[in-house]
Protein backbone atom coordinates (compact mmCIF):
# COMPACT_ATOMS: atom_id res chain seq x y z
CA MET A 1 18.26 126.51 96.66
CA GLU A 2 16.02 125.03 93.97
CA PRO A 3 17.92 125.22 90.67
CA ASP A 4 15.35 123.08 88.86
CA LYS A 5 12.86 125.96 89.17
CA ILE A 6 15.13 128.34 87.28
CA HIS A 7 14.28 128.67 83.59
CA PHE A 8 15.16 131.54 81.29
CA GLY A 9 12.07 132.84 79.50
CA THR A 10 11.60 135.54 76.88
CA ASP A 11 14.29 137.65 78.54
CA GLY A 12 15.98 136.06 81.52
CA TRP A 13 14.72 134.41 84.68
CA ARG A 14 12.14 136.24 86.82
CA ALA A 15 10.37 135.28 90.00
CA ILE A 16 8.67 136.74 93.08
CA ILE A 17 11.06 138.06 95.71
CA ALA A 18 11.37 135.84 98.80
CA ASP A 19 9.38 133.10 97.06
CA ASP A 20 11.53 131.63 94.28
CA TYR A 21 13.64 134.77 93.88
CA THR A 22 16.02 134.19 96.79
CA PHE A 23 19.70 134.90 97.35
CA ASP A 24 20.47 131.20 97.02
CA ASN A 25 18.72 130.94 93.65
CA VAL A 26 20.33 134.15 92.39
CA ARG A 27 23.71 132.76 93.40
CA ALA A 28 22.84 129.54 91.57
CA CYS A 29 22.24 131.61 88.42
CA ALA A 30 25.56 133.37 88.88
CA GLN A 31 27.32 130.02 89.35
CA GLY A 32 25.76 128.79 86.12
CA VAL A 33 27.06 131.83 84.24
CA ALA A 34 30.49 131.41 85.83
CA ALA A 35 30.60 127.75 84.80
CA TYR A 36 29.62 128.69 81.25
CA HIS A 37 32.37 131.33 81.06
CA VAL A 38 35.00 128.92 82.36
CA ALA A 39 33.88 126.23 79.89
CA GLN A 40 34.11 128.76 77.05
CA GLY A 41 37.57 129.94 78.07
CA PHE A 42 36.39 133.47 78.89
CA GLN A 43 38.34 133.73 82.17
CA ASP A 44 40.60 136.55 80.99
CA ASP A 45 37.73 138.89 80.14
CA PRO A 46 35.59 140.54 82.83
CA ILE A 47 31.86 140.26 83.46
CA ILE A 48 29.80 143.39 84.11
CA VAL A 49 27.17 143.26 86.85
CA GLY A 50 24.42 145.89 86.81
CA TYR A 51 21.08 146.39 88.51
CA ASP A 52 17.90 148.49 88.46
CA THR A 53 15.94 150.34 91.17
CA ARG A 54 13.88 147.39 92.42
CA PHE A 55 13.73 146.23 96.00
CA GLY A 56 16.97 144.45 96.91
CA SER A 57 18.55 144.80 93.46
CA THR A 58 21.82 146.21 94.84
CA GLU A 59 22.14 143.38 97.35
CA PHE A 60 21.25 140.72 94.78
CA ALA A 61 23.84 142.19 92.42
CA ASP A 62 26.51 141.98 95.13
CA ALA A 63 25.56 138.34 95.72
CA VAL A 64 26.26 137.76 92.03
CA VAL A 65 29.63 139.52 92.35
CA ASP A 66 30.55 137.26 95.29
CA VAL A 67 29.96 134.15 93.21
CA LEU A 68 31.73 135.35 90.07
CA ALA A 69 34.76 136.38 92.10
CA GLY A 70 34.60 133.06 93.97
CA ASN A 71 35.09 131.40 90.59
CA GLY A 72 38.15 133.52 89.91
CA LEU A 73 36.44 135.76 87.35
CA LYS A 74 37.10 139.48 87.06
CA VAL A 75 34.02 141.63 87.68
CA LEU A 76 33.12 145.17 86.68
CA ARG A 77 30.55 146.19 89.27
CA CYS A 78 28.19 149.08 88.51
CA THR A 79 28.15 151.68 91.29
CA ALA A 80 24.55 152.78 90.75
CA ALA A 81 21.31 151.61 89.19
CA ALA A 82 21.48 151.91 85.40
CA PRO A 83 19.40 151.14 82.30
CA THR A 84 19.94 147.69 80.84
CA PRO A 85 21.08 149.19 77.48
CA ALA A 86 23.69 151.33 79.29
CA VAL A 87 25.11 148.22 80.90
CA GLY A 88 24.92 146.41 77.55
CA TYR A 89 26.84 149.14 75.75
CA ASN A 90 29.60 148.99 78.38
CA LEU A 91 30.07 145.31 77.59
CA VAL A 92 31.28 146.35 74.15
CA THR A 93 33.43 149.31 75.16
CA ARG A 94 35.10 147.55 78.09
CA GLY A 95 35.78 144.24 76.34
CA ALA A 96 33.60 142.22 78.71
CA ALA A 97 32.83 138.59 77.95
CA GLY A 98 29.29 138.93 79.26
CA GLY A 99 27.01 140.82 81.56
CA ILE A 100 24.43 140.16 84.24
CA MET A 101 21.61 142.61 84.93
CA ILE A 102 19.50 142.29 88.06
CA THR A 103 16.09 143.48 86.91
CA ALA A 104 12.57 142.27 86.31
CA SER A 105 12.09 144.93 83.65
CA HIS A 106 8.34 145.67 83.44
CA ASN A 107 7.09 143.06 85.94
CA PRO A 108 5.15 144.11 89.07
CA SER A 109 7.06 145.36 92.10
CA GLN A 110 7.15 142.05 93.97
CA TRP A 111 9.23 140.52 91.18
CA ASN A 112 12.92 140.64 90.40
CA GLY A 113 14.98 138.98 87.71
CA PHE A 114 18.30 137.94 86.23
CA LYS A 115 19.23 138.85 82.64
CA TYR A 116 22.35 137.53 80.94
CA ARG A 117 24.00 139.43 78.07
CA THR A 118 26.73 138.34 75.65
CA ARG A 119 29.78 140.39 74.66
CA THR A 120 27.71 141.98 71.85
CA GLY A 121 25.74 143.81 74.54
CA GLY A 122 22.57 142.02 73.45
CA SER A 123 20.41 139.18 74.71
CA ALA A 124 22.02 135.77 74.76
CA PRO A 125 20.69 133.50 71.99
CA PRO A 126 18.78 130.33 72.94
CA GLU A 127 21.77 128.02 72.37
CA VAL A 128 23.80 129.97 74.95
CA LEU A 129 20.97 130.11 77.49
CA VAL A 130 20.55 126.34 77.24
CA GLN A 131 24.17 125.90 78.33
CA VAL A 132 23.78 128.35 81.22
CA GLU A 133 20.58 126.64 82.35
CA ASP A 134 22.23 123.21 82.15
CA ALA A 135 25.05 124.44 84.39
CA ILE A 136 22.50 125.78 86.90
CA HIS A 137 20.49 122.57 86.91
CA ARG A 138 23.61 120.48 87.57
CA LEU A 139 24.04 122.17 90.95
CA LYS A 140 23.16 119.83 93.79
CA SER A 141 23.75 121.90 96.91
CA LEU A 142 25.02 125.25 98.18
CA GLU A 143 28.48 123.70 98.46
CA ASP A 144 28.60 123.64 94.64
CA ILE A 145 28.49 127.44 94.59
CA HIS A 146 31.89 129.13 94.94
CA ARG A 147 31.88 132.41 96.83
CA MET A 148 34.29 135.14 97.91
CA SER A 149 33.39 138.14 100.01
CA LEU A 150 33.33 141.49 98.26
CA ASP A 151 36.14 142.80 100.47
CA ASP A 152 38.34 139.79 99.69
CA ALA A 153 37.51 140.07 96.02
CA ARG A 154 38.59 143.72 95.99
CA THR A 155 41.81 142.83 97.80
CA ALA A 156 42.46 140.10 95.22
CA GLY A 157 41.96 142.61 92.41
CA LEU A 158 38.95 140.77 91.01
CA VAL A 159 36.38 143.56 91.41
CA THR A 160 36.48 147.03 89.86
CA ASP A 161 33.71 149.59 90.34
CA ILE A 162 32.46 151.36 87.21
CA ASP A 163 29.94 154.02 86.26
CA PRO A 164 28.29 152.83 83.02
CA ALA A 165 26.64 156.18 82.25
CA PRO A 166 29.43 158.35 80.74
CA SER A 167 30.49 156.11 77.85
CA TYR A 168 26.88 155.24 77.07
CA LEU A 169 25.75 158.86 77.00
CA THR A 170 28.73 159.87 74.88
CA HIS A 171 27.82 157.19 72.35
CA ILE A 172 24.14 158.14 72.28
CA ALA A 173 25.22 161.68 71.40
CA THR A 174 26.81 160.34 68.19
CA LEU A 175 23.53 158.76 67.04
CA VAL A 176 21.19 161.74 67.42
CA ASP A 177 21.76 165.42 66.66
CA LEU A 178 21.36 166.54 70.25
CA GLU A 179 22.30 170.14 69.51
CA ALA A 180 19.43 170.40 67.04
CA LEU A 181 17.03 168.90 69.57
CA ARG A 182 18.27 171.17 72.37
CA SER A 183 17.78 174.24 70.22
CA ALA A 184 14.38 173.15 68.84
CA GLY A 185 12.52 174.85 71.68
CA CYS A 186 10.22 171.88 72.33
CA GLN A 187 8.39 171.10 75.54
CA VAL A 188 8.85 167.40 76.30
CA VAL A 189 7.68 165.23 79.19
CA VAL A 190 9.54 162.06 80.16
CA ASP A 191 8.29 159.41 82.59
CA PRO A 192 10.95 156.95 83.85
CA MET A 193 8.23 155.22 85.91
CA HIS A 194 10.45 155.33 89.05
CA GLY A 195 12.98 153.15 87.23
CA ALA A 196 16.63 153.12 86.22
CA GLY A 197 16.18 155.55 83.32
CA ALA A 198 15.60 158.55 85.58
CA GLY A 199 17.77 161.50 84.60
CA TYR A 200 19.15 160.03 81.38
CA PHE A 201 16.76 161.57 78.82
CA ALA A 202 16.54 164.93 80.58
CA GLY A 203 20.31 165.07 81.02
CA LEU A 204 20.96 164.50 77.33
CA LEU A 205 18.68 167.39 76.32
CA SER A 206 19.57 169.94 78.99
CA GLY A 207 21.24 173.24 78.26
CA GLY A 208 19.14 174.58 75.39
CA ALA A 209 15.80 176.03 74.45
CA THR A 210 14.09 172.63 74.68
CA LYS A 211 12.59 172.01 78.11
CA VAL A 212 12.17 168.56 79.60
CA LEU A 213 9.76 167.88 82.44
CA GLU A 214 10.42 164.60 84.24
CA VAL A 215 7.57 162.94 86.13
CA ARG A 216 7.90 159.89 88.41
CA GLY A 217 11.67 160.32 88.33
CA THR A 218 12.31 159.44 91.98
CA VAL A 219 13.35 155.94 93.00
CA ASN A 220 10.41 154.01 94.41
CA PRO A 221 10.60 150.20 94.17
CA SER A 222 6.89 149.84 94.95
CA PHE A 223 6.04 151.58 91.63
CA PRO A 224 3.04 153.36 93.20
CA ASP A 225 -0.23 153.95 91.37
CA MET A 226 0.53 151.43 88.65
CA HIS A 227 0.19 147.67 88.35
CA ASN A 228 3.66 147.39 86.90
CA PRO A 229 6.27 149.74 85.36
CA GLU A 230 5.33 148.98 81.77
CA PRO A 231 4.84 151.96 79.41
CA ILE A 232 1.38 151.00 78.18
CA GLU A 233 -1.72 153.16 78.14
CA HIS A 234 -3.36 152.41 81.48
CA ASN A 235 -0.04 153.02 83.30
CA LEU A 236 0.60 156.40 81.67
CA VAL A 237 -2.15 158.61 83.11
CA PRO A 238 0.39 160.87 84.93
CA LEU A 239 2.35 161.24 81.71
CA ARG A 240 -0.75 162.12 79.71
CA ASP A 241 -1.85 164.65 82.33
CA ALA A 242 1.59 166.28 82.34
CA VAL A 243 1.67 166.47 78.53
CA LEU A 244 -1.70 168.20 78.39
CA GLN A 245 -1.03 170.55 81.31
CA SER A 246 2.37 171.65 80.01
CA LYS A 247 1.23 171.76 76.37
CA ALA A 248 4.13 169.47 75.50
CA LEU A 249 4.87 168.39 71.95
CA VAL A 250 5.42 164.79 72.99
CA GLY A 251 5.53 162.58 76.08
CA VAL A 252 7.71 159.48 76.39
CA ALA A 253 7.95 156.81 79.06
CA MET A 254 10.41 154.03 79.82
CA ASP A 255 9.92 150.82 81.78
CA GLY A 256 11.75 149.77 84.94
CA ASP A 257 15.11 149.12 83.32
CA ALA A 258 14.62 151.65 80.49
CA ASP A 259 14.86 149.25 77.58
CA ARG A 260 11.28 149.90 76.40
CA VAL A 261 9.43 153.04 75.38
CA GLY A 262 5.86 154.29 75.30
CA ALA A 263 4.59 157.50 73.75
CA ILE A 264 1.85 160.09 74.26
CA ASP A 265 1.02 162.58 71.51
CA ALA A 266 0.61 166.34 72.01
CA THR A 267 -3.17 165.79 72.06
CA GLY A 268 -2.90 163.22 74.87
CA GLN A 269 -3.37 160.29 72.51
CA TYR A 270 -1.48 157.10 73.36
CA LEU A 271 0.47 155.53 70.50
CA THR A 272 0.50 151.73 70.63
CA SER A 273 3.81 149.86 70.46
CA LEU A 274 2.95 148.77 66.91
CA GLN A 275 2.35 152.37 65.87
CA VAL A 276 5.60 153.46 67.51
CA TYR A 277 7.61 150.86 65.59
CA ALA A 278 5.97 151.96 62.36
CA LEU A 279 6.81 155.58 63.22
CA LEU A 280 10.44 154.65 63.87
CA ALA A 281 10.64 152.74 60.59
CA TYR A 282 9.12 155.72 58.76
CA TYR A 283 11.61 158.02 60.51
CA PHE A 284 14.61 156.05 59.25
CA LEU A 285 13.29 155.18 55.80
CA GLU A 286 11.46 158.35 54.81
CA VAL A 287 12.75 161.19 56.99
CA ARG A 288 16.42 160.17 57.18
CA GLY A 289 16.51 158.25 53.91
CA LEU A 290 18.37 155.26 55.33
CA ARG A 291 18.06 151.71 54.04
CA GLY A 292 18.62 148.28 55.53
CA PRO A 293 16.80 145.17 56.70
CA ILE A 294 14.10 145.51 59.34
CA ILE A 295 13.50 142.79 61.93
CA LYS A 296 10.09 142.33 63.55
CA SER A 297 8.68 139.86 66.03
CA LEU A 298 5.55 138.07 64.80
CA THR A 299 3.29 140.17 67.06
CA LEU A 300 4.37 143.43 65.42
CA SER A 301 2.28 145.17 62.80
CA ASN A 302 1.75 144.19 59.19
CA MET A 303 2.55 147.84 58.51
CA ILE A 304 6.21 146.85 58.64
CA TRP A 305 5.77 144.45 55.72
CA ARG A 306 4.06 147.20 53.73
CA LEU A 307 6.71 149.80 54.57
CA GLY A 308 9.39 147.29 53.56
CA GLU A 309 7.71 146.95 50.16
CA LYS A 310 7.27 150.73 49.81
CA TYR A 311 10.93 151.50 50.48
CA ASP A 312 12.35 148.30 48.96
CA VAL A 313 13.99 146.92 52.11
CA PRO A 314 13.81 143.31 53.34
CA VAL A 315 11.75 142.47 56.42
CA HIS A 316 12.54 139.44 58.57
CA GLU A 317 10.14 137.98 61.15
CA THR A 318 11.15 136.14 64.33
CA ARG A 319 9.65 134.69 67.45
CA VAL A 320 8.98 137.04 70.37
CA GLY A 321 12.07 138.04 72.33
CA PHE A 322 15.37 139.72 71.61
CA LYS A 323 17.18 136.44 72.10
CA TYR A 324 15.70 135.67 68.66
CA ILE A 325 15.81 139.20 67.21
CA ALA A 326 19.39 140.13 68.16
CA PRO A 327 21.11 137.27 66.26
CA VAL A 328 19.15 138.12 63.09
CA MET A 329 20.04 141.80 63.47
CA ILE A 330 23.72 140.89 63.64
CA GLU A 331 23.50 138.38 60.77
CA THR A 332 21.72 140.79 58.40
CA ASP A 333 23.33 144.06 59.57
CA ALA A 334 19.79 145.29 60.15
CA LEU A 335 18.70 148.89 60.26
CA MET A 336 16.42 148.18 63.22
CA GLY A 337 14.74 145.42 65.18
CA GLY A 338 11.70 145.44 67.41
CA GLU A 339 9.04 143.59 69.31
CA GLU A 340 5.49 144.30 70.46
CA SER A 341 6.51 144.94 74.07
CA GLY A 342 7.86 148.37 73.10
CA GLY A 343 11.50 147.34 72.78
CA TYR A 344 13.40 148.58 69.73
CA ALA A 345 17.05 148.35 68.67
CA PHE A 346 19.00 150.22 66.02
CA LYS A 347 22.02 149.95 63.73
CA GLY A 348 25.14 151.65 65.06
CA HIS A 349 24.21 150.73 68.62
CA ILE A 350 24.03 147.39 70.44
CA PRO A 351 21.56 144.76 69.14
CA GLU A 352 19.35 145.32 72.15
CA ARG A 353 16.29 147.33 73.14
CA ASP A 354 16.94 150.88 74.25
CA GLY A 355 14.13 153.03 75.62
CA VAL A 356 16.23 156.19 75.95
CA LEU A 357 17.48 156.09 72.36
CA SER A 358 14.02 155.17 71.03
CA ALA A 359 12.54 158.18 72.81
CA LEU A 360 15.17 160.48 71.32
CA TYR A 361 14.45 159.17 67.82
CA LEU A 362 10.72 159.82 68.32
CA LEU A 363 11.44 163.39 69.39
CA ASP A 364 13.75 163.82 66.42
CA LEU A 365 10.97 162.62 64.11
CA VAL A 366 8.64 165.29 65.45
CA ALA A 367 11.33 168.00 65.34
CA ARG A 368 12.43 167.20 61.78
CA THR A 369 8.95 166.92 60.29
CA GLY A 370 7.29 169.68 62.29
CA LYS A 371 4.35 167.30 62.76
CA THR A 372 3.01 165.54 65.82
CA LEU A 373 3.30 161.80 66.22
CA SER A 374 -0.37 161.40 65.29
CA GLN A 375 0.08 163.50 62.14
CA ASN A 376 3.06 161.38 61.13
CA MET A 377 0.95 158.32 61.82
CA GLU A 378 -1.72 159.57 59.44
CA GLU A 379 0.93 159.90 56.73
CA ILE A 380 1.90 156.29 57.31
CA TYR A 381 -1.75 155.24 57.02
CA GLU A 382 -1.89 157.02 53.67
CA LEU A 383 0.99 154.81 52.53
CA VAL A 384 -0.10 151.45 53.97
CA GLY A 385 -3.72 151.79 55.04
CA PRO A 386 -5.13 152.03 58.59
CA HIS A 387 -3.89 149.43 61.10
CA HIS A 388 -5.12 149.36 64.69
CA TYR A 389 -4.01 147.07 67.50
CA ASP A 390 -4.56 146.08 71.10
CA ARG A 391 -3.50 143.38 73.54
CA THR A 392 -5.22 141.86 76.52
CA ASP A 393 -3.39 140.01 79.31
CA VAL A 394 -5.27 137.28 81.15
CA VAL A 395 -4.01 136.05 84.52
CA PHE A 396 -4.57 132.31 84.78
CA ASP A 397 -3.72 129.34 86.96
CA GLY A 398 -0.54 127.83 85.54
CA ALA A 399 -1.81 124.39 86.48
CA LEU A 400 -4.48 124.81 83.79
CA ARG A 401 -2.00 125.46 80.98
CA SER A 402 -2.30 121.97 79.51
CA ASP A 403 -6.10 122.36 79.44
CA VAL A 404 -5.80 125.64 77.55
CA GLU A 405 -3.34 124.11 75.10
CA ALA A 406 -5.70 121.19 74.51
CA ARG A 407 -8.59 123.55 73.69
CA LEU A 408 -6.41 125.38 71.19
CA SER A 409 -5.15 122.30 69.40
CA GLU A 410 -6.54 121.27 66.02
CA PRO A 411 -9.10 121.38 64.52
CA TYR A 412 -8.69 125.13 64.27
CA PRO A 413 -11.69 127.44 63.82
CA THR A 414 -12.64 128.52 60.32
CA ASN A 415 -13.28 132.15 61.31
CA ILE A 416 -12.81 134.57 64.18
CA ALA A 417 -15.52 137.17 64.82
CA GLY A 418 -16.91 136.28 61.42
CA VAL A 419 -13.67 136.93 59.52
CA PRO A 420 -12.51 133.85 57.56
CA ILE A 421 -9.17 132.37 58.61
CA VAL A 422 -6.71 131.92 55.74
CA GLY A 423 -3.83 130.42 57.72
CA VAL A 424 -2.70 129.29 61.16
CA ASP A 425 0.86 128.89 62.43
CA THR A 426 2.47 127.95 65.72
CA ILE A 427 5.81 129.74 65.37
CA ASP A 428 5.28 131.31 68.81
CA GLY A 429 1.93 130.54 70.39
CA ILE A 430 -0.90 130.33 67.87
CA ARG A 431 -1.36 132.95 65.17
CA TYR A 432 -4.59 133.16 63.20
CA ARG A 433 -4.21 135.00 59.88
CA MET A 434 -7.48 136.24 58.40
CA GLU A 435 -8.74 137.79 55.21
CA GLY A 436 -7.78 141.41 54.72
CA GLU A 437 -4.49 140.98 56.61
CA LEU A 438 -6.23 140.84 59.98
CA TRP A 439 -4.59 138.65 62.61
CA SER A 440 -4.74 137.57 66.22
CA VAL A 441 -2.26 135.69 68.38
CA ILE A 442 -2.53 133.67 71.58
CA ARG A 443 0.70 133.01 73.49
CA PHE A 444 1.82 132.33 77.02
CA SER A 445 4.05 135.00 78.55
CA GLY A 446 7.65 133.90 78.89
CA THR A 447 8.15 135.88 82.11
CA GLU A 448 4.82 135.97 84.01
CA PRO A 449 1.78 133.69 84.63
CA LEU A 450 -0.18 135.44 81.88
CA LEU A 451 -1.94 134.49 78.69
CA ARG A 452 -1.40 137.26 76.14
CA ILE A 453 -3.90 137.83 73.33
CA TYR A 454 -3.06 140.22 70.49
CA ALA A 455 -5.00 141.47 67.47
CA GLU A 456 -4.63 143.87 64.54
CA ALA A 457 -7.43 145.12 62.25
CA PRO A 458 -8.39 148.19 60.19
CA THR A 459 -10.57 149.70 62.96
CA PRO A 460 -10.35 149.83 66.77
CA GLU A 461 -13.83 148.31 67.03
CA GLN A 462 -12.84 145.29 64.96
CA VAL A 463 -9.73 144.85 67.07
CA GLN A 464 -11.88 144.49 70.19
CA GLU A 465 -14.15 142.00 68.40
CA LEU A 466 -11.12 139.90 67.45
CA LEU A 467 -9.70 140.02 70.98
CA ALA A 468 -12.98 138.88 72.53
CA ALA A 469 -13.53 136.08 70.01
CA THR A 470 -9.90 134.93 70.26
CA ARG A 471 -10.01 134.89 74.05
CA ALA A 472 -13.18 132.81 73.93
CA LEU A 473 -11.17 130.08 72.19
CA THR A 474 -8.95 129.71 75.29
CA GLY A 475 -11.79 129.11 77.75
CA VAL A 476 -10.20 131.44 80.36
C-alpha cells in the first residue's frame, strides 16, 4: 500500500493495473471515502458502488464494498457493469450520500481508476476531494483499513444489490421524445467501444421504424484495435465504416464508461468535440427554443461565446474537469455544461457527463431539423463564422515536467505561427489568445502522462500550424 501515490486528477485517481493500481491502494481509496463520510455524518445514507467492463473492475469494486462495510457503512452494490451516469443518477433516486465508480473511463486497457461522486450524482468538487485525499494519505499501514467480507456484510444487512439501469432509463425517457425517434425511420449506428454503454442506446430506441446497428458492443477489456476507448476520430474507423455501409443518418460512440460521446456524420465525416458541443447548444437554443446559462471549459470553442451572444444567454468558463463544471452548473441552474473531452451535461438530469443522453440529443437534432449534423454545422457557421479545432497528445517522461514548465514560463512569445498574441493566461495550463479569436492551449493531462496541445482557428490548415508552433514551445 502506497497512499502517498494516490492523487485525484481531472476525474478521479487512475493508474496502471498491478503497478500502482493494486487491491491495497484501491482499498486505501475506499477507506479514505469511508473516513470522509463518517466525518461528515453521512453514516445513515448508503454509498453506491459501480464498475465498468475493464479487467478486474468487478473484483476491485467488491474490494471497495468490503472496506465500506468494514466501516459500518451501508452499500448499494451494482450487479453488473453500468455507465457512470447511470450510477450517478441512482445516487439521486436512492438517496445515497455518495458513489464510487471503478473505471478508467477513456484510458488505455492496462489502466483502471476510482471515481468519487457526491449525492448530486456529479463529480466531487475540489474541496471535497482534498478531504478524501487527506484521509487516504493519513493511512500508515494495512491495519488502518477496516474490512468485512462480502458474505458477512450481507448477513449484517450492510450490502444490498441493485440494478442501476431501470430507473436511469425511465428518467432518460422523460428528457427525449423517444416515441418520435422510434417512429422517425432512421438508420443509426452506435459504438459502445466494448464498454459499459453497450445495449443502452439501442434498447432505448428499439420497437419502432428506427433501426439501430450496434458495433463493438461485446465486452472486451483489451479494447482491441484501438489505443484507448476514447470516441475520437482515429478510434472510430469501425463506426465510420458501418455508417457508410449501412447508409446511416448518424453514428455515435461512447467511451469506456459511457460518459462521453463522439459523432460521425452520414457522409462519414467526424465531428470534433467542439463542434458537437456547438451542435448541442444550437439544438437547445434554436431548435427547442430553451434558454439558460451555458458552462464551458476553457478548451471548448469560442463558438459558445458567440452563440451565447446570439441567443442572449450567459456563458461561464471554468477550468477543465467536471469537478469545476458541475458546481457552476448547480449554482447557475445551467442549461448545459461541457468540456473538450466530449463530456456534456444537461439541465433536468444530473450535473455530470452523459454519453447516452448526448447521443440521443444529437439524433433528435437531426430528426427535428431533417438535416445532417454537417448541414446543421454549416448553419452554425453562418451565425458565428467558421471555427475548426484539433488536439495533439504528446507522451513524455514525467521526470521532465519541470523542464517543460520552465521553458513555458515568461517571457511569453509575441506570436504563434505568425499570428500576434493578444493575451496569455494560466487558468489551466497556458492559453495563448491571438488576433482574430484564434487560440491554443498547453496543459498536462490530469489522468495520464500526456502533454495535451489544443488549437482553434478559422481553417483546418491554420489549426495544424498553430498546433505545430505551440508544441515547439514545449521542447518535447
